[in-house]
Amino acid sequence: MLIIAFVNGLISTIKYCTIKLVVLTYLFVFRMYI
């Protein structure tokens, strides 16, 4: 059960980092166009 909790936490962290990266990239591109 501990391994499953660890994997779930890892997936959440990766998802969070991916979303943050996408948002930062979007903001950067948005600034370049203006």
N, C-alpha and C. Protein backbone atom coordinates (compact mmCIF):
# COMPACT_ATOMS: atom_id res chain seq x y z
N MET A 1 0.84 -1.21 0.00
CA MET A 1 0.00 0.00 0.00
C MET A 1 0.87 1.26 0.00
N LEU A 2 2.01 1.20 0.66
CA LEU A 2 2.90 2.36 0.74
C LEU A 2 3.44 2.71 -0.64
N ILE A 3 3.75 1.68 -1.44
CA ILE A 3 4.29 1.91 -2.79
C ILE A 3 3.24 2.61 -3.66
N ILE A 4 1.97 2.18 -3.54
CA ILE A 4 0.90 2.78 -4.34
C ILE A 4 0.75 4.26 -3.98
N ALA A 5 0.80 4.57 -2.68
CA ALA A 5 0.69 5.96 -2.24
C ALA A 5 1.86 6.78 -2.78
N PHE A 6 3.04 6.19 -2.77
CA PHE A 6 4.24 6.88 -3.27
C PHE A 6 4.11 7.17 -4.76
N VAL A 7 3.65 6.18 -5.53
CA VAL A 7 3.48 6.35 -6.98
C VAL A 7 2.43 7.41 -7.27
N ASN A 8 1.32 7.39 -6.50
CA ASN A 8 0.28 8.40 -6.69
C ASN A 8 0.81 9.81 -6.42
N GLY A 9 1.62 9.95 -5.38
CA GLY A 9 2.22 11.24 -5.05
C GLY A 9 3.16 11.70 -6.15
N LEU A 10 3.91 10.75 -6.70
CA LEU A 10 4.86 11.06 -7.77
C LEU A 10 4.12 11.55 -9.01
N ILE A 11 3.02 10.87 -9.35
CA ILE A 11 2.21 11.25 -10.52
C ILE A 11 1.62 12.65 -10.33
N SER A 12 1.14 12.93 -9.12
CA SER A 12 0.58 14.26 -8.84
C SER A 12 1.64 15.33 -9.00
N THR A 13 2.84 15.06 -8.51
CA THR A 13 3.94 16.02 -8.61
C THR A 13 4.31 16.27 -10.06
N ILE A 14 4.38 15.20 -10.85
CA ILE A 14 4.73 15.33 -12.27
C ILE A 14 3.65 16.14 -13.00
N LYS A 15 2.38 15.83 -12.69
CA LYS A 15 1.27 16.57 -13.32
C LYS A 15 1.36 18.05 -12.98
N TYR A 16 1.62 18.36 -11.70
CA TYR A 16 1.70 19.74 -11.25
C TYR A 16 2.84 20.47 -11.96
N CYS A 17 4.00 19.82 -12.04
CA CYS A 17 5.15 20.44 -12.71
C CYS A 17 4.88 20.65 -14.19
N THR A 18 4.21 19.68 -14.82
CA THR A 18 3.90 19.80 -16.24
C THR A 18 2.96 20.98 -16.49
N ILE A 19 1.93 21.11 -15.64
CA ILE A 19 0.97 22.21 -15.79
C ILE A 19 1.70 23.55 -15.61
N LYS A 20 2.59 23.62 -14.60
CA LYS A 20 3.34 24.84 -14.34
C LYS A 20 4.22 25.21 -15.55
N LEU A 21 4.86 24.20 -16.13
CA LEU A 21 5.71 24.42 -17.31
C LEU A 21 4.89 24.93 -18.48
N VAL A 22 3.73 24.32 -18.70
CA VAL A 22 2.86 24.73 -19.82
C VAL A 22 2.41 26.18 -19.63
N VAL A 23 2.02 26.54 -18.41
CA VAL A 23 1.57 27.90 -18.13
C VAL A 23 2.71 28.90 -18.35
N LEU A 24 3.91 28.57 -17.86
CA LEU A 24 5.06 29.47 -18.04
C LEU A 24 5.40 29.64 -19.51
N THR A 25 5.36 28.54 -20.26
CA THR A 25 5.65 28.59 -21.69
C THR A 25 4.61 29.45 -22.40
N TYR A 26 3.34 29.26 -22.04
CA TYR A 26 2.26 30.02 -22.65
C TYR A 26 2.43 31.52 -22.39
N LEU A 27 2.78 31.87 -21.13
CA LEU A 27 2.99 33.28 -20.79
C LEU A 27 4.16 33.86 -21.56
N PHE A 28 5.23 33.07 -21.69
CA PHE A 28 6.42 33.53 -22.41
C PHE A 28 6.10 33.80 -23.87
N VAL A 29 5.39 32.87 -24.52
CA VAL A 29 5.01 33.03 -25.93
C VAL A 29 4.06 34.22 -26.08
N PHE A 30 3.13 34.35 -25.13
CA PHE A 30 2.17 35.45 -25.15
C PHE A 30 2.90 36.80 -25.11
N ARG A 31 3.95 36.89 -24.28
CA ARG A 31 4.73 38.13 -24.17
C ARG A 31 5.51 38.42 -25.45
N MET A 32 5.99 37.37 -26.09
CA MET A 32 6.77 37.54 -27.32
C MET A 32 5.91 38.16 -28.43
N TYR A 33 4.62 37.77 -28.45
CA TYR A 33 3.74 38.27 -29.51
C TYR A 33 3.31 39.71 -29.30
N ILE A 34 3.32 40.17 -28.05
CA ILE A 34 2.86 41.54 -27.77
C ILE A 34 3.98 42.54 -27.95
